Each structure stands twice: as C-alpha cells, then as structure tokens.
C-alpha atoms as a PDB file:
ATOM      1  CA  MET A   1       0.000   0.000   0.000  1.00  0.00           C
ATOM      2  CA  ASN A   2       1.231   3.463  -0.845  1.00  0.00           C
ATOM      3  CA  LYS A   3       1.435   6.466   1.426  1.00  0.00           C
ATOM      4  CA  LYS A   4      -1.223   9.119   0.978  1.00  0.00           C
ATOM      5  CA  VAL A   5      -0.319  12.017  -1.310  1.00  0.00           C
ATOM      6  CA  VAL A   6      -1.853  15.421  -0.572  1.00  0.00           C
ATOM      7  CA  ILE A   7      -1.314  18.442  -2.792  1.00  0.00           C
ATOM      8  CA  TYR A   8      -2.420  21.984  -1.986  1.00  0.00           C
ATOM      9  CA  THR A   9      -3.178  23.914  -5.167  1.00  0.00           C
ATOM     10  CA  THR A  10      -4.793  26.928  -6.744  1.00  0.00           C
ATOM     11  CA  ASP A  11      -6.770  26.719  -9.958  1.00  0.00           C
ATOM     12  CA  TYR A  12      -4.516  29.219 -11.781  1.00  0.00           C
ATOM     13  CA  CYS A  13      -1.141  27.681 -10.873  1.00  0.00           C
ATOM     14  CA  PRO A  14       0.837  26.118 -13.751  1.00  0.00           C
ATOM     15  CA  HIS A  15       3.197  24.374 -11.316  1.00  0.00           C
ATOM     16  CA  CYS A  16       0.204  22.769  -9.613  1.00  0.00           C
ATOM     17  CA  ARG A  17      -0.934  21.425 -12.987  1.00  0.00           C
ATOM     18  CA  ARG A  18       2.568  20.062 -13.679  1.00  0.00           C
ATOM     19  CA  ALA A  19       2.632  18.251 -10.350  1.00  0.00           C
ATOM     20  CA  LYS A  20      -0.865  16.811 -10.793  1.00  0.00           C
ATOM     21  CA  ASP A  21       0.003  15.740 -14.355  1.00  0.00           C
ATOM     22  CA  LEU A  22       3.036  13.775 -13.130  1.00  0.00           C
ATOM     23  CA  LEU A  23       1.004  12.063 -10.424  1.00  0.00           C
ATOM     24  CA  ALA A  24      -1.761  11.233 -12.908  1.00  0.00           C
ATOM     25  CA  ARG A  25       0.693   9.880 -15.506  1.00  0.00           C
ATOM     26  CA  LYS A  26       2.136   7.582 -12.853  1.00  0.00           C
ATOM     27  CA  ASN A  27      -1.359   6.558 -11.677  1.00  0.00           C
ATOM     28  CA  ILE A  28      -0.629   7.841  -8.183  1.00  0.00           C
ATOM     29  CA  PRO A  29      -3.846   8.714  -6.378  1.00  0.00           C
ATOM     30  CA  PHE A  30      -3.778  12.032  -4.559  1.00  0.00           C
ATOM     31  CA  GLN A  31      -5.996  14.284  -2.519  1.00  0.00           C
ATOM     32  CA  GLU A  32      -6.143  17.799  -3.900  1.00  0.00           C
ATOM     33  CA  ILE A  33      -6.911  20.660  -1.547  1.00  0.00           C
ATOM     34  CA  ASP A  34      -7.741  23.723  -3.624  1.00  0.00           C
ATOM     35  CA  VAL A  35      -7.003  26.892  -1.657  1.00  0.00           C
ATOM     36  CA  THR A  36      -7.887  29.280  -4.486  1.00  0.00           C
ATOM     37  CA  ASN A  37     -10.852  30.777  -2.654  1.00  0.00           C
ATOM     38  CA  ASP A  38     -10.084  29.645   0.884  1.00  0.00           C
ATOM     39  CA  GLN A  39      -7.693  32.067   2.553  1.00  0.00           C
ATOM     40  CA  ALA A  40      -8.022  30.294   5.918  1.00  0.00           C
ATOM     41  CA  LYS A  41      -6.747  26.990   4.451  1.00  0.00           C
ATOM     42  CA  ARG A  42      -4.007  28.825   2.598  1.00  0.00           C
ATOM     43  CA  ASP A  43      -2.926  30.618   5.774  1.00  0.00           C
ATOM     44  CA  ALA A  44      -3.009  27.344   7.731  1.00  0.00           C
ATOM     45  CA  ILE A  45      -0.754  25.475   5.291  1.00  0.00           C
ATOM     46  CA  GLU A  46       1.617  28.443   5.118  1.00  0.00           C
ATOM     47  CA  GLU A  47       1.833  28.511   8.914  1.00  0.00           C
ATOM     48  CA  LYS A  48       2.379  24.741   9.055  1.00  0.00           C
ATOM     49  CA  THR A  49       5.072  24.609   6.369  1.00  0.00           C
ATOM     50  CA  GLY A  50       6.500  28.103   5.969  1.00  0.00           C
ATOM     51  CA  TRP A  51       5.735  27.849   2.236  1.00  0.00           C
ATOM     52  CA  MET A  52       4.069  30.896   0.708  1.00  0.00           C
ATOM     53  CA  THR A  53       3.551  29.326  -2.722  1.00  0.00           C
ATOM     54  CA  VAL A  54       1.683  26.359  -4.155  1.00  0.00           C
ATOM     55  CA  PRO A  55       1.786  23.547  -4.826  1.00  0.00           C
ATOM     56  CA  VAL A  56       2.616  22.202  -1.395  1.00  0.00           C
ATOM     57  CA  ILE A  57       2.993  18.439  -1.642  1.00  0.00           C
ATOM     58  CA  PHE A  58       3.006  15.880   1.158  1.00  0.00           C
ATOM     59  CA  ILE A  59       3.732  12.182   0.887  1.00  0.00           C
ATOM     60  CA  GLY A  60       2.464  10.691   4.104  1.00  0.00           C
ATOM     61  CA  ASP A  61       3.398  13.179   6.817  1.00  0.00           C
ATOM     62  CA  GLU A  62       6.510  14.358   4.962  1.00  0.00           C
ATOM     63  CA  LEU A  63       6.566  17.722   3.193  1.00  0.00           C
ATOM     64  CA  ILE A  64       8.085  16.993  -0.213  1.00  0.00           C
ATOM     65  CA  GLY A  65       7.963  20.587  -1.412  1.00  0.00           C
ATOM     66  CA  GLY A  66       6.664  21.861  -4.727  1.00  0.00           C
ATOM     67  CA  ALA A  67       6.458  20.661  -8.315  1.00  0.00           C
ATOM     68  CA  ASP A  68      10.207  20.936  -8.952  1.00  0.00           C
ATOM     69  CA  ASP A  69      10.882  18.844  -5.842  1.00  0.00           C
ATOM     70  CA  LEU A  70       8.372  16.211  -6.996  1.00  0.00           C
ATOM     71  CA  TYR A  71       9.961  16.076 -10.456  1.00  0.00           C
ATOM     72  CA  GLY A  72      13.396  15.886  -8.825  1.00  0.00           C
ATOM     73  CA  LEU A  73      12.333  12.826  -6.850  1.00  0.00           C
ATOM     74  CA  GLU A  74      11.047  11.238 -10.054  1.00  0.00           C
ATOM     75  CA  ALA A  75      14.224  12.061 -12.009  1.00  0.00           C
ATOM     76  CA  SER A  76      16.414  10.593  -9.275  1.00  0.00           C
ATOM     77  CA  GLY A  77      14.319   7.420  -9.112  1.00  0.00           C
ATOM     78  CA  LYS A  78      13.308   8.078  -5.500  1.00  0.00           C
ATOM     79  CA  LEU A  79       9.622   8.917  -5.935  1.00  0.00           C
ATOM     80  CA  ASP A  80       8.351   5.332  -6.104  1.00  0.00           C
ATOM     81  CA  SER A  81      10.244   4.254  -2.993  1.00  0.00           C
ATOM     82  CA  LYS A  82       9.120   7.397  -1.140  1.00  0.00           C
ATOM     83  CA  LEU A  83       5.509   6.350  -1.789  1.00  0.00           C
ATOM     84  CA  LYS A  84       5.868   2.866  -0.295  1.00  0.00           C
ATOM     85  CA  ASP A  85       4.698   2.219   3.243  1.00  0.00           C
ATOM     86  CA  GLN A  86       7.518   0.803   5.309  1.00  0.00           C
ATOM     87  CA  GLY A  87       5.248  -1.174   7.628  1.00  0.00           C
END
C-alpha cells in the first residue's frame, strides 16, 4: 500500500498542474486541496510549512515541497520508494 499524497493547489497555478500531471501519468492517487478561494486553508498550510507558494505536496506526513521537488524525486528514481509504506 502506498502512502497518501496530498497536494495543496490553486486553480490558476501552472506548477500545480505540472505536479498533478506527473502524479496522474504515474497513476498515483492524490488528494487535492484547492485553496484558491479559501484564505483560511491557505494561511493554515503556510503557517504549518512556511511555504508561501503552491503547490505544497506531502507524501504521508513528509513535506516533499513543490512541483520541482516532486519532479526531482522522479528524475532521481526516488519517488516510487518514497511512496511505499515501510510497515
């Protein structure tokens, strides 16, 4: 079983689309939390992570970062192993 992937997005963000496209191409299910019109959720994730931009991507409880970080994991061959539950 894979770890849960959560991605915070806005509907106008090209980097969010890139990240979601990679996940979809790899058939990785993810929960999308759209903060476009929800300033409270956006403020909460910024406070939690220190990130002021989207996407904000978590695999399990681990903050992966943004789209470039996700693509970096894929390019290095580490994304698939990062998704696997260790238990």
